[in-house]
Protein backbone atom coordinates (compact mmCIF):
# COMPACT_ATOMS: atom_id res chain seq x y z
CA MET A 1 0.00 0.00 0.00
CA SER A 2 2.84 2.39 0.88
CA GLY A 3 4.41 1.74 -2.51
CA LEU A 4 1.18 2.68 -4.22
CA ILE A 5 0.96 5.91 -2.22
CA PHE A 6 4.55 6.75 -3.14
CA SER A 7 3.90 6.20 -6.83
CA CYS A 8 0.96 8.60 -6.75
CA GLN A 9 2.88 11.43 -5.17
CA GLU A 10 3.67 14.38 -7.40
CA LYS A 11 7.25 14.96 -8.42
CA PRO A 12 8.97 17.88 -6.68
CA GLN A 13 8.97 20.99 -8.84
CA VAL A 14 12.06 22.89 -9.99
CA ASP A 15 12.20 26.08 -11.99
CA LEU A 16 14.47 25.10 -14.84
CA LEU A 17 16.01 22.02 -16.44
CA ILE A 18 18.83 22.16 -18.98
CA LYS A 19 18.97 18.69 -20.46
CA ASN A 20 21.74 16.78 -22.21
CA VAL A 21 24.20 19.68 -22.08
CA ASN A 22 28.00 19.72 -22.10
CA ILE A 23 29.31 21.36 -18.91
CA VAL A 24 32.53 23.32 -19.35
CA ASP A 25 34.77 22.47 -16.39
CA ILE A 26 37.13 25.43 -16.66
CA GLU A 27 39.25 24.58 -13.62
CA GLY A 28 39.65 20.98 -14.79
CA ASP A 29 40.11 21.96 -18.45
CA SER A 30 37.56 19.35 -19.50
CA ILE A 31 34.02 18.81 -20.75
CA LEU A 32 31.38 16.82 -18.84
CA SER A 33 29.07 15.57 -21.55
CA SER A 34 25.35 14.74 -21.52
CA GLN A 35 24.58 16.40 -18.18
CA TYR A 36 21.20 17.42 -16.78
CA VAL A 37 21.30 20.66 -14.77
CA LEU A 38 18.41 21.54 -12.46
CA ILE A 39 18.00 25.14 -11.30
CA GLN A 40 15.82 26.31 -8.43
CA ALA A 41 15.43 30.07 -7.85
CA ASP A 42 18.89 31.60 -8.40
CA SER A 43 21.03 28.51 -7.69
CA ILE A 44 22.03 25.22 -9.26
CA PHE A 45 19.95 22.62 -7.42
CA ALA A 46 21.20 19.34 -8.87
CA ILE A 47 23.36 17.94 -11.67
CA GLY A 48 23.19 14.39 -12.95
CA ASN A 49 21.90 12.05 -15.62
CA GLU A 50 18.48 11.71 -17.22
CA GLU A 51 17.31 9.35 -14.48
CA LEU A 52 17.92 12.04 -11.87
CA ALA A 53 16.17 14.69 -13.96
CA ASN A 54 13.10 12.45 -14.33
CA GLN A 55 12.58 12.64 -10.57
CA TYR A 56 11.60 16.33 -10.85
CA ASN A 57 8.94 18.37 -12.57
CA PRO A 58 10.62 21.40 -14.21
CA ALA A 59 8.60 24.51 -14.98
CA GLN A 60 10.86 25.18 -17.99
CA ILE A 61 13.00 22.83 -20.07
CA ILE A 62 15.92 23.87 -22.28
CA ASN A 63 17.40 21.42 -24.75
CA GLY A 64 21.16 21.70 -24.29
CA GLU A 65 22.13 19.02 -26.81
CA GLY A 66 25.29 20.07 -28.61
CA LYS A 67 25.57 23.16 -26.39
CA PHE A 68 28.18 24.12 -23.79
CA LEU A 69 27.30 25.50 -20.36
CA MET A 70 29.79 27.66 -18.45
CA PRO A 71 29.66 30.35 -15.77
CA GLY A 72 28.59 33.79 -16.95
CA LEU A 73 31.40 36.19 -17.80
CA TRP A 74 32.78 38.71 -15.32
CA ASP A 75 34.14 42.02 -16.61
CA ASN A 76 36.24 43.08 -13.66
CA HIS A 77 36.98 46.67 -14.64
CA VAL A 78 34.22 48.81 -16.12
CA HIS A 79 33.13 52.42 -15.71
CA PHE A 80 29.70 53.96 -15.53
CA GLY A 81 30.03 57.72 -15.84
CA GLY A 82 29.04 60.96 -17.44
CA ALA A 83 26.65 62.84 -15.17
CA GLU A 84 24.97 64.51 -18.15
CA TYR A 85 24.05 61.18 -19.78
CA ILE A 86 23.02 58.87 -16.98
CA ASP A 87 20.28 57.45 -19.22
CA GLU A 88 22.88 56.24 -21.73
CA ASN A 89 24.74 54.44 -18.95
CA GLU A 90 21.49 52.82 -17.90
CA GLN A 91 21.14 51.29 -21.37
CA LEU A 92 24.46 49.50 -20.84
CA LEU A 93 22.90 47.21 -18.24
CA PRO A 94 20.85 45.09 -20.69
CA LEU A 95 23.71 45.41 -23.21
CA TYR A 96 26.11 43.67 -20.83
CA LEU A 97 23.59 40.91 -20.22
CA ALA A 98 22.98 40.43 -23.94
CA PHE A 99 26.71 39.74 -24.34
CA GLY A 100 26.75 37.11 -21.58
CA VAL A 101 28.32 39.37 -18.95
CA THR A 102 26.52 38.45 -15.74
CA THR A 103 28.76 40.42 -13.34
CA VAL A 104 30.68 43.67 -13.64
CA ARG A 105 33.11 45.30 -11.24
CA ASP A 106 32.51 49.06 -11.50
CA ALA A 107 35.83 50.82 -10.88
CA ALA A 108 34.47 54.32 -10.16
CA GLY A 109 33.02 57.24 -12.06
CA ASP A 110 30.97 60.35 -11.40
CA ILE A 111 27.51 58.76 -11.06
CA SER A 112 28.15 56.52 -8.06
CA LEU A 113 24.78 57.08 -6.39
CA GLU A 114 22.95 55.94 -9.53
CA VAL A 115 25.21 52.89 -9.87
CA LEU A 116 24.63 51.92 -6.24
CA LYS A 117 20.87 52.25 -6.84
CA TRP A 118 21.08 50.04 -9.95
CA ARG A 119 23.15 47.51 -8.02
CA ASP A 120 20.49 47.19 -5.34
CA GLU A 121 17.61 47.07 -7.84
CA ILE A 122 19.30 44.28 -9.80
CA ASN A 123 19.98 42.34 -6.59
CA GLU A 124 16.32 42.72 -5.62
CA GLY A 125 15.11 41.52 -9.03
CA LYS A 126 13.60 44.90 -9.89
CA ARG A 127 15.89 45.60 -12.86
CA ILE A 128 17.50 43.56 -15.63
CA GLY A 129 21.28 43.72 -15.81
CA PRO A 130 24.51 42.14 -14.62
CA LYS A 131 25.34 41.84 -10.95
CA ILE A 132 27.20 45.06 -10.06
CA LEU A 133 30.05 45.16 -7.56
CA THR A 134 31.13 48.77 -7.20
CA SER A 135 33.81 50.86 -5.55
CA GLY A 136 31.56 53.90 -5.46
CA PRO A 137 33.66 57.08 -5.76
CA LYS A 138 37.39 56.43 -5.77
CA ILE A 139 39.88 57.98 -3.37
CA GLU A 140 42.24 60.59 -4.80
CA GLY A 141 44.36 63.58 -3.83
CA ILE A 142 43.33 67.22 -3.75
CA GLU A 143 42.26 68.75 -7.10
CA SER A 144 42.11 65.45 -8.95
CA ILE A 145 41.39 65.78 -12.66
CA TRP A 146 38.60 63.19 -12.41
CA PRO A 147 35.08 64.30 -11.42
CA GLY A 148 33.35 62.35 -8.68
CA ASP A 149 36.45 61.48 -6.65
CA LEU A 150 36.70 61.67 -2.86
CA GLU A 151 39.64 64.07 -2.55
CA VAL A 152 41.84 63.69 0.53
CA GLY A 153 44.95 65.55 1.65
CA THR A 154 45.31 64.44 5.27
CA SER A 155 44.85 61.36 7.42
CA GLU A 156 41.74 62.91 8.94
CA GLU A 157 40.20 63.50 5.51
CA LEU A 158 41.08 59.93 4.55
CA ASP A 159 39.23 58.58 7.59
CA LEU A 160 36.16 60.67 6.70
CA ALA A 161 36.29 59.40 3.11
CA LEU A 162 36.40 55.79 4.28
CA ASP A 163 33.53 56.48 6.67
CA SER A 164 31.47 57.75 3.75
CA LEU A 165 32.26 54.65 1.69
CA GLU A 166 31.08 52.49 4.57
CA LYS A 167 27.79 54.40 4.64
CA LEU A 168 27.41 53.84 0.91
CA LYS A 169 28.08 50.11 1.44
CA VAL A 170 30.55 49.89 -1.43
CA ASP A 171 31.92 46.48 -2.41
CA PHE A 172 35.60 47.39 -2.66
CA VAL A 173 37.85 50.46 -2.61
CA LYS A 174 39.72 52.01 -5.51
CA ILE A 175 42.59 54.46 -5.03
CA THR A 176 44.37 56.28 -7.87
CA ASP A 177 47.49 58.35 -8.33
CA ASN A 178 46.61 61.61 -10.09
CA THR A 179 47.34 63.96 -7.16
CA MET A 180 47.51 61.51 -4.25
CA LYS A 181 50.51 61.90 -1.94
CA PRO A 182 52.53 58.66 -1.98
CA GLU A 183 52.61 58.31 1.81
CA LEU A 184 48.86 58.95 2.03
CA PHE A 185 48.30 56.43 -0.77
CA LEU A 186 49.96 53.69 1.30
CA GLU A 187 48.02 54.77 4.38
CA ALA A 188 44.79 54.58 2.39
CA ILE A 189 45.54 51.01 1.29
CA GLU A 190 46.32 49.94 4.85
CA LYS A 191 43.24 51.58 6.38
CA ALA A 192 40.82 50.36 3.69
CA THR A 193 42.22 46.82 3.97
CA ALA A 194 41.87 46.97 7.78
CA ARG A 195 38.18 47.80 7.33
CA GLY A 196 37.72 44.60 5.34
CA TRP A 197 37.74 45.83 1.75
CA SER A 198 39.76 44.50 -1.16
CA VAL A 199 41.73 47.43 -2.55
CA SER A 200 42.51 48.10 -6.20
CA GLY A 201 44.17 51.00 -7.90
CA HIS A 202 46.92 52.68 -9.81
CA ILE A 203 50.30 53.27 -8.19
CA PRO A 204 52.00 56.67 -7.71
CA ALA A 205 55.21 57.07 -9.69
CA ALA A 206 57.20 57.63 -6.50
CA LEU A 207 56.31 54.17 -5.16
CA THR A 208 57.41 50.70 -6.19
CA LEU A 209 54.85 47.98 -6.79
CA ASP A 210 56.29 46.08 -3.84
CA GLN A 211 55.54 48.98 -1.50
CA ALA A 212 51.91 49.08 -2.58
CA SER A 213 51.67 45.29 -2.39
CA LYS A 214 53.12 45.14 1.12
CA ALA A 215 50.58 47.76 2.20
CA GLY A 216 47.86 45.34 1.09
CA GLN A 217 46.88 46.39 -2.45
CA LYS A 218 45.06 43.41 -3.93
CA THR A 219 45.12 44.36 -7.62
CA VAL A 220 47.20 46.60 -9.83
CA GLU A 221 44.84 48.06 -12.41
CA HIS A 222 46.39 48.16 -15.92
CA LEU A 223 49.30 46.09 -17.18
CA GLY A 224 51.46 49.14 -17.92
CA TYR A 225 52.29 49.51 -14.23
CA MET A 226 53.88 46.06 -14.29
CA LEU A 227 56.70 47.42 -16.44
CA ARG A 228 58.05 49.08 -13.31
CA ALA A 229 58.70 45.72 -11.65
CA SER A 230 60.26 44.31 -14.82
CA THR A 231 63.53 46.22 -14.55
CA PRO A 232 66.37 46.17 -12.01
CA LYS A 233 66.12 49.97 -11.99
CA GLU A 234 62.62 50.16 -10.48
CA SER A 235 63.75 51.78 -7.21
CA GLU A 236 66.03 54.18 -9.06
CA ILE A 237 63.25 55.19 -11.45
CA SER A 238 60.76 55.67 -8.59
CA ALA A 239 63.27 57.88 -6.77
CA GLY A 240 63.86 59.87 -9.96
CA ARG A 241 60.14 60.44 -10.42
CA ALA A 242 59.74 61.43 -6.75
CA SER A 243 62.53 64.01 -6.99
CA GLY A 244 61.42 65.33 -10.37
CA LYS A 245 64.67 64.33 -12.05
CA LEU A 246 62.82 62.01 -14.43
CA THR A 247 59.77 62.88 -16.52
CA ALA A 248 57.07 60.28 -17.12
CA GLN A 249 58.31 59.78 -20.69
CA GLU A 250 61.91 59.36 -19.53
CA ALA A 251 60.85 56.85 -16.88
CA ILE A 252 58.91 54.75 -19.41
CA ALA A 253 61.83 54.84 -21.84
CA LEU A 254 64.22 53.70 -19.12
CA GLN A 255 61.87 50.91 -18.07
CA THR A 256 61.57 49.68 -21.65
CA GLU A 257 65.32 49.84 -22.26
CA THR A 258 66.18 47.86 -19.13
CA LEU A 259 63.52 45.13 -19.16
CA ASP A 260 64.79 41.86 -17.72
CA ASP A 261 62.58 38.78 -17.76
CA SER A 262 64.37 37.15 -14.82
CA VAL A 263 63.92 40.28 -12.71
CA ALA A 264 60.28 40.46 -13.78
CA MET A 265 59.67 36.82 -12.82
CA ALA A 266 61.26 37.24 -9.39
CA ASN A 267 59.36 40.45 -8.65
CA PHE A 268 56.04 39.10 -9.92
CA HIS A 269 56.49 35.98 -7.80
CA GLN A 270 57.06 38.21 -4.77
CA LEU A 271 53.89 40.17 -5.52
CA ALA A 272 51.97 36.92 -5.88
CA SER A 273 53.21 35.69 -2.50
CA GLN A 274 51.85 38.90 -0.96
CA GLY A 275 48.41 38.39 -2.51
CA THR A 276 48.61 41.03 -5.25
CA GLY A 277 47.14 40.35 -8.71
CA VAL A 278 46.75 42.40 -11.86
CA VAL A 279 43.85 43.52 -14.06
CA PRO A 280 45.64 44.02 -17.41
CA THR A 281 42.96 45.96 -19.38
CA LEU A 282 44.92 44.91 -22.44
CA LEU A 283 42.24 45.84 -24.98
CA ILE A 284 42.13 49.57 -24.26
CA SER A 285 45.93 49.72 -24.40
CA TYR A 286 45.81 47.97 -27.77
CA ASN A 287 43.11 50.36 -29.02
CA ILE A 288 45.24 53.37 -28.10
CA ALA A 289 48.46 51.93 -29.51
CA TYR A 290 46.93 50.94 -32.82
CA LEU A 291 44.34 53.68 -33.18
CA ASP A 292 45.82 54.76 -36.52
CA GLU A 293 45.64 51.25 -38.01
CA ASN A 294 42.05 50.32 -37.17
CA GLU A 295 38.82 51.73 -38.50
CA PHE A 296 36.99 51.52 -35.19
CA GLU A 297 34.47 54.13 -36.29
CA LYS A 298 32.97 51.51 -38.64
CA ASP A 299 32.23 49.02 -35.85
CA THR A 300 28.55 48.14 -35.90
CA ILE A 301 28.32 47.93 -32.12
CA LEU A 302 28.50 51.71 -32.05
CA LYS A 303 24.81 51.62 -32.96
CA TYR A 304 24.12 50.28 -29.46
CA LEU A 305 25.93 53.08 -27.60
CA GLY A 306 24.40 56.45 -26.77
CA PRO A 307 25.58 59.58 -28.63
CA LYS A 308 27.18 61.35 -25.66
CA LEU A 309 28.99 58.20 -24.58
CA LYS A 310 30.44 57.87 -28.08
CA GLU A 311 31.29 61.57 -28.05
CA SER A 312 33.32 60.98 -24.87
CA TYR A 313 35.70 58.84 -26.96
CA GLN A 314 36.83 61.91 -28.87
CA TRP A 315 39.04 63.49 -26.21
CA ARG A 316 41.74 60.88 -26.72
CA ILE A 317 41.33 60.87 -30.51
CA GLN A 318 41.74 64.64 -30.61
CA ARG A 319 44.72 64.52 -28.27
CA MET A 320 46.46 62.04 -30.59
CA ALA A 321 45.47 63.75 -33.85
CA ASN A 322 48.80 65.53 -34.31
CA ASP A 323 51.04 62.66 -33.25
CA THR A 324 54.20 62.19 -35.28
CA PRO A 325 55.12 58.85 -36.86
CA GLU A 326 57.64 58.49 -34.02
CA ASP A 327 54.89 59.02 -31.42
CA LYS A 328 52.75 56.36 -33.06
CA GLN A 329 55.60 53.87 -33.22
CA ASN A 330 56.54 54.53 -29.58
CA ARG A 331 52.99 53.69 -28.51
CA LYS A 332 53.10 50.39 -30.38
CA THR A 333 56.55 49.52 -29.05
CA GLY A 334 55.41 50.29 -25.52
CA PHE A 335 52.27 48.20 -25.89
CA GLU A 336 54.13 45.18 -27.25
CA ALA A 337 56.73 45.43 -24.47
CA THR A 338 53.91 45.46 -21.93
CA ALA A 339 51.75 42.75 -23.50
CA ARG A 340 54.62 40.27 -23.64
CA LEU A 341 54.68 40.32 -19.82
CA LEU A 342 51.37 38.46 -19.67
CA PRO A 343 52.71 34.86 -19.83
CA ILE A 344 55.50 35.79 -17.40
CA ILE A 345 52.89 37.02 -14.94
CA GLN A 346 50.89 33.82 -15.45
CA LYS A 347 53.94 31.64 -14.75
CA SER A 348 54.86 33.71 -11.69
CA GLY A 349 51.69 32.73 -9.87
CA MET A 350 50.16 36.20 -9.88
CA LYS A 351 46.42 36.15 -10.43
CA ILE A 352 45.39 37.73 -13.70
CA ILE A 353 41.88 39.16 -13.43
CA ALA A 354 40.12 40.01 -16.68
CA GLY A 355 38.69 43.52 -16.94
CA THR A 356 38.38 45.93 -19.83
CA ASP A 357 38.05 49.59 -18.73
CA ALA A 358 34.90 49.65 -20.87
CA GLY A 359 32.56 52.60 -20.58
CA TYR A 360 32.70 56.32 -21.04
CA LEU A 361 35.93 58.11 -22.06
CA ASN A 362 37.79 54.92 -23.00
CA THR A 363 37.97 55.01 -26.75
CA TYR A 364 36.28 52.17 -28.67
CA ASP A 365 36.27 50.01 -25.53
CA TYR A 366 32.76 48.67 -25.96
CA PRO A 367 30.69 47.60 -22.93
CA GLY A 368 29.61 43.97 -23.26
CA LEU A 369 31.70 43.10 -26.29
CA ALA A 370 34.97 44.24 -24.71
CA ILE A 371 35.43 41.32 -22.31
CA HIS A 372 35.25 38.86 -25.21
CA LEU A 373 37.91 40.83 -27.09
CA GLU A 374 40.00 41.12 -23.90
CA LEU A 375 40.04 37.34 -23.52
CA GLN A 376 40.99 37.01 -27.18
CA LYS A 377 43.93 39.37 -26.56
CA PHE A 378 44.97 37.25 -23.59
CA VAL A 379 45.19 34.20 -25.84
CA GLU A 380 46.90 36.17 -28.62
CA TYR A 381 49.62 37.21 -26.17
CA GLY A 382 50.33 33.83 -24.64
CA LEU A 383 47.59 32.46 -22.40
CA THR A 384 45.55 29.35 -23.12
CA PRO A 385 41.76 29.63 -23.50
CA ARG A 386 41.42 27.97 -20.09
CA GLU A 387 43.74 30.51 -18.46
CA ALA A 388 41.87 33.37 -20.08
CA LEU A 389 38.51 32.04 -18.86
CA ILE A 390 39.88 31.55 -15.33
CA ALA A 391 40.91 35.22 -15.33
CA SER A 392 37.29 36.23 -15.87
CA VAL A 393 35.00 33.74 -14.15
CA ILE A 394 37.19 32.32 -11.36
CA ASN A 395 39.65 35.05 -10.41
CA GLY A 396 36.92 37.70 -10.66
CA PRO A 397 34.86 36.16 -7.85
CA GLY A 398 38.08 35.37 -6.00
CA TYR A 399 38.86 39.07 -5.63
CA PHE A 400 35.73 39.42 -3.49
CA GLY A 401 36.04 36.08 -1.68
CA LEU A 402 33.00 34.78 -3.57
CA GLU A 403 34.50 31.51 -4.78
CA LYS A 404 31.81 29.42 -3.05
CA GLU A 405 29.00 31.08 -4.99
CA TYR A 406 30.60 31.57 -8.41
CA GLY A 407 33.21 30.21 -10.81
CA ALA A 408 31.85 26.81 -11.85
CA VAL A 409 28.76 24.90 -12.95
CA LYS A 410 28.29 22.94 -9.73
CA ILE A 411 25.57 22.20 -7.21
CA GLY A 412 24.99 25.15 -4.89
CA LYS A 413 26.64 27.67 -7.20
CA SER A 414 24.87 30.73 -8.53
CA ALA A 415 22.74 30.21 -11.63
CA ASN A 416 24.50 32.95 -13.60
CA LEU A 417 25.42 30.97 -16.67
CA LEU A 418 26.29 31.18 -20.33
CA LEU A 419 24.99 28.65 -22.88
CA LEU A 420 27.25 28.51 -25.93
CA ASN A 421 27.01 26.80 -29.30
CA SER A 422 30.69 25.80 -29.31
CA ASN A 423 33.46 24.85 -26.90
CA PRO A 424 35.36 27.85 -25.41
CA LEU A 425 38.20 25.60 -24.17
CA GLU A 426 39.00 24.81 -27.80
CA SER A 427 38.63 28.35 -29.13
CA ILE A 428 38.23 31.49 -27.04
CA ILE A 429 36.11 33.14 -29.73
CA SER A 430 33.38 30.66 -28.77
CA THR A 431 32.41 32.96 -25.88
CA LEU A 432 30.70 35.10 -28.52
CA ASP A 433 28.76 32.13 -29.91
CA ILE A 434 25.94 32.68 -27.42
CA ASN A 435 22.81 30.52 -27.47
CA GLY A 436 21.37 31.89 -24.23
CA VAL A 437 22.13 33.54 -20.90
CA ILE A 438 20.90 32.58 -17.44
CA LYS A 439 20.91 35.36 -14.85
CA ASP A 440 19.79 34.56 -11.30
CA GLY A 441 17.97 31.49 -12.64
CA VAL A 442 16.09 33.34 -15.40
CA PHE A 443 16.77 32.07 -18.93
CA TYR A 444 17.16 34.57 -21.77
CA SER A 445 17.05 32.72 -25.09
CA ARG A 446 18.87 33.88 -28.22
CA SER A 447 15.65 35.38 -29.54
CA VAL A 448 15.06 37.26 -26.28
CA LEU A 449 18.65 38.55 -26.29
CA ASP A 450 18.22 39.68 -29.89
CA GLN A 451 15.05 41.50 -28.92
CA MET A 452 16.92 43.22 -26.08
CA LEU A 453 19.60 44.33 -28.53
CA ALA A 454 16.98 45.58 -30.98
CA GLU A 455 15.36 47.66 -28.25
CA ILE A 456 18.70 49.18 -27.23
CA LYS A 457 19.52 49.97 -30.86
CA LYS A 458 16.14 51.67 -31.33
CA TRP A 459 16.58 53.63 -28.10
CA VAL A 460 19.95 54.92 -29.33
CA ALA A 461 18.56 55.78 -32.78
CA ASP A 462 15.68 57.71 -31.20
CA LYS A 463 18.11 59.51 -28.90
CA GLU A 464 20.31 60.54 -31.82
CA ALA A 465 17.30 61.73 -33.84
CA ASN A 466 16.09 64.05 -31.07
């Protein structure tokens, strides 16, 4: 009798079943074929074979045959900004999602209050977009050139700035080097770290990377700074910059002339042992270096970006308009010298975290698309597809201590996923071959993503017509 009762019981319900799909095990560099993935609410509930899946009643079924399921992409360095065109920034949220970017790390701008509001609305399910982890306004020195900064000149002002960031409930702290006093920069790292934040930033010319690392800086933003630790003259160059005996151009030239791979490896290994990683933002550096050789203005993705955001690209284009052939060649030489450090950093044990600098001001660095191109650059300059993917979807969460929730297609992990038509471990360009996106357990099919893109494109066209 009990067996009869059991057989009449209804199957437990789950929200979503992806059947017969290939799971991309990025950490293991392998494919788990013919898997059935059950999703409940915003988490992966169970993974197994068809027999397991038959024990549940899914509200929605997706046929994953021939498809590849991996964690959603993380772009770990983006910017929302431009106080006079907040609405154009708002359109970037569905754009990121349409490109399979399920999390972004916002590295400061001048519309922090709006970004914090969007972050909370997305977390509460009131708005469509990627998960946002934001620094809020970054910490800088007095009379910084960047709008929206928290400007500090004393220890007391630094404490007040950190108090304000606590009230804003920011996710990490960013500190930059435009007018920041070197000694206050180090103090800011130490105090922000002591309050429990991961700290990212640029590094003042008067400091070595090791000094910033020992103070607790968790990521160096932009690969160009790594040139400093690639020469035996790093301390000498830093002292020259601090005293004013060396200009920025002279310092870069000296770094490039004295590069030493063995010195770089030893210094990078030391940084790794101290817990410091790097966000290369290789794509924007490439765009700047090769601006004269690429017809970026013909890129069709420009139709999805607002007019004022695109206009913000012009400041750098105008600044470089009168460059000499020597200037152009120096940029390319500098970029290539920097980019070749990537595999050395990888071998040193430093964590490479993939971020793009996408957003306003950064010329032809397209939100959404940029992280795919960044990963392609990583592979072009010496990483494997697996290493490139780790930089985005594993090391990104690792920066925030979120490894338990993100980074793999496993039971208990977040259901922020990317369904691809081809294997990204074989070819990194497969990340653009998107069949669907799952964000917090909600499936967006290719047709839905295309509709989102069409709506953004129309919004931009209407904006430009008015």
